[in-house]
Amino acid sequence: MCAMTKRRRDEDGERRLSDEASYVCGSCGEDIVVPLDPSAGEHQQYVEDCPVCCSPNEVFVDYEDDGSARVSSRPE
C-alpha cells in the first residue's frame, strides 16, 4: 500500500510539507498514521508494529524531487 503526502500552506502562506502520512497495515487493513522526518534522509526504511493488531510492518518513505513523500509498507 502506498500514500503520498501533500504540500500545505502554513499560517504565513508559505508552502511546507505535511509532518505525517499514512499506510494501510497489510495484516489488519487499518489506516496507520506515521510521523515524517525528512532529516532522516530521502530514502528511509524501518520496521514498525501496527498499533491496532501488533503485527510488524516494514515501512518505506521516499521523498520526491518536489518535496512530497511516498510512504508504502508490507508485512514483515
Protein backbone atom coordinates (compact mmCIF):
# COMPACT_ATOMS: atom_id res chain seq x y z
CA MET A 1 0.00 0.00 0.00
CA CYS A 2 1.19 3.49 -0.75
CA ALA A 3 0.27 7.05 0.14
CA MET A 4 1.60 10.44 -0.89
CA THR A 5 1.90 13.46 1.36
CA LYS A 6 0.70 16.80 0.11
CA ARG A 7 2.20 20.22 0.44
CA ARG A 8 0.10 22.60 2.50
CA ARG A 9 0.29 26.26 3.41
CA ASP A 10 1.20 27.32 6.92
CA GLU A 11 -0.19 30.37 8.73
CA ASP A 12 2.16 32.71 6.85
CA GLY A 13 1.02 31.35 3.48
CA GLU A 14 4.32 29.57 2.83
CA ARG A 15 4.24 26.09 1.38
CA ARG A 16 5.55 23.31 3.58
CA LEU A 17 5.40 19.55 3.80
CA SER A 18 2.94 17.69 5.92
CA ASP A 19 4.57 16.22 9.00
CA GLU A 20 2.66 12.94 8.76
CA ALA A 21 1.44 10.37 6.25
CA SER A 22 -0.35 7.05 6.42
CA TYR A 23 -0.17 3.48 5.16
CA VAL A 24 -2.54 0.53 5.35
CA CYS A 25 -1.49 -2.34 7.62
CA GLY A 26 -1.08 -5.46 5.48
CA SER A 27 -2.34 -7.67 8.30
CA CYS A 28 -5.47 -5.95 9.63
CA GLY A 29 -6.25 -3.35 6.93
CA GLU A 30 -6.25 -0.36 9.29
CA ASP A 31 -5.02 3.02 8.07
CA ILE A 32 -1.93 3.83 10.19
CA VAL A 33 -0.66 7.41 10.53
CA VAL A 34 3.11 7.83 10.88
CA PRO A 35 5.21 10.95 11.52
CA LEU A 36 7.58 12.07 8.76
CA ASP A 37 11.15 13.20 9.36
CA PRO A 38 12.88 14.47 6.20
CA SER A 39 16.11 14.96 8.17
CA ALA A 40 16.47 11.13 8.30
CA GLY A 41 17.24 11.04 4.56
CA GLU A 42 15.38 10.91 1.28
CA HIS A 43 15.07 7.09 1.36
CA GLN A 44 14.02 5.57 4.68
CA GLN A 45 13.17 2.02 5.71
CA TYR A 46 12.18 0.79 9.16
CA VAL A 47 10.00 -1.79 10.94
CA GLU A 48 7.04 -0.62 13.00
CA ASP A 49 4.45 -2.69 14.84
CA CYS A 50 0.85 -1.90 13.93
CA PRO A 51 -0.75 -0.11 16.90
CA VAL A 52 -4.02 -1.97 16.19
CA CYS A 53 -3.03 -5.63 15.63
CA CYS A 54 0.66 -5.54 16.75
CA SER A 55 1.87 -7.17 13.50
CA PRO A 56 5.21 -5.84 12.25
CA ASN A 57 5.22 -3.79 9.03
CA GLU A 58 8.24 -2.78 7.00
CA VAL A 59 7.70 0.91 6.20
CA PHE A 60 9.35 2.72 3.29
CA VAL A 61 9.47 6.51 2.94
CA ASP A 62 10.83 8.08 -0.24
CA TYR A 63 10.95 11.83 -0.80
CA GLU A 64 10.28 13.06 -4.34
CA ASP A 65 12.10 15.92 -6.07
CA ASP A 66 9.19 18.26 -5.32
CA GLY A 67 9.50 17.53 -1.57
CA SER A 68 6.46 15.27 -1.29
CA ALA A 69 6.86 11.88 0.36
CA ARG A 70 5.72 8.47 -0.83
CA VAL A 71 5.00 6.05 2.03
CA SER A 72 4.48 2.33 1.47
CA SER A 73 4.57 -0.77 3.62
CA ARG A 74 4.49 -4.54 3.57
CA PRO A 75 4.01 -7.10 6.32
CA GLU A 76 7.32 -8.29 7.72
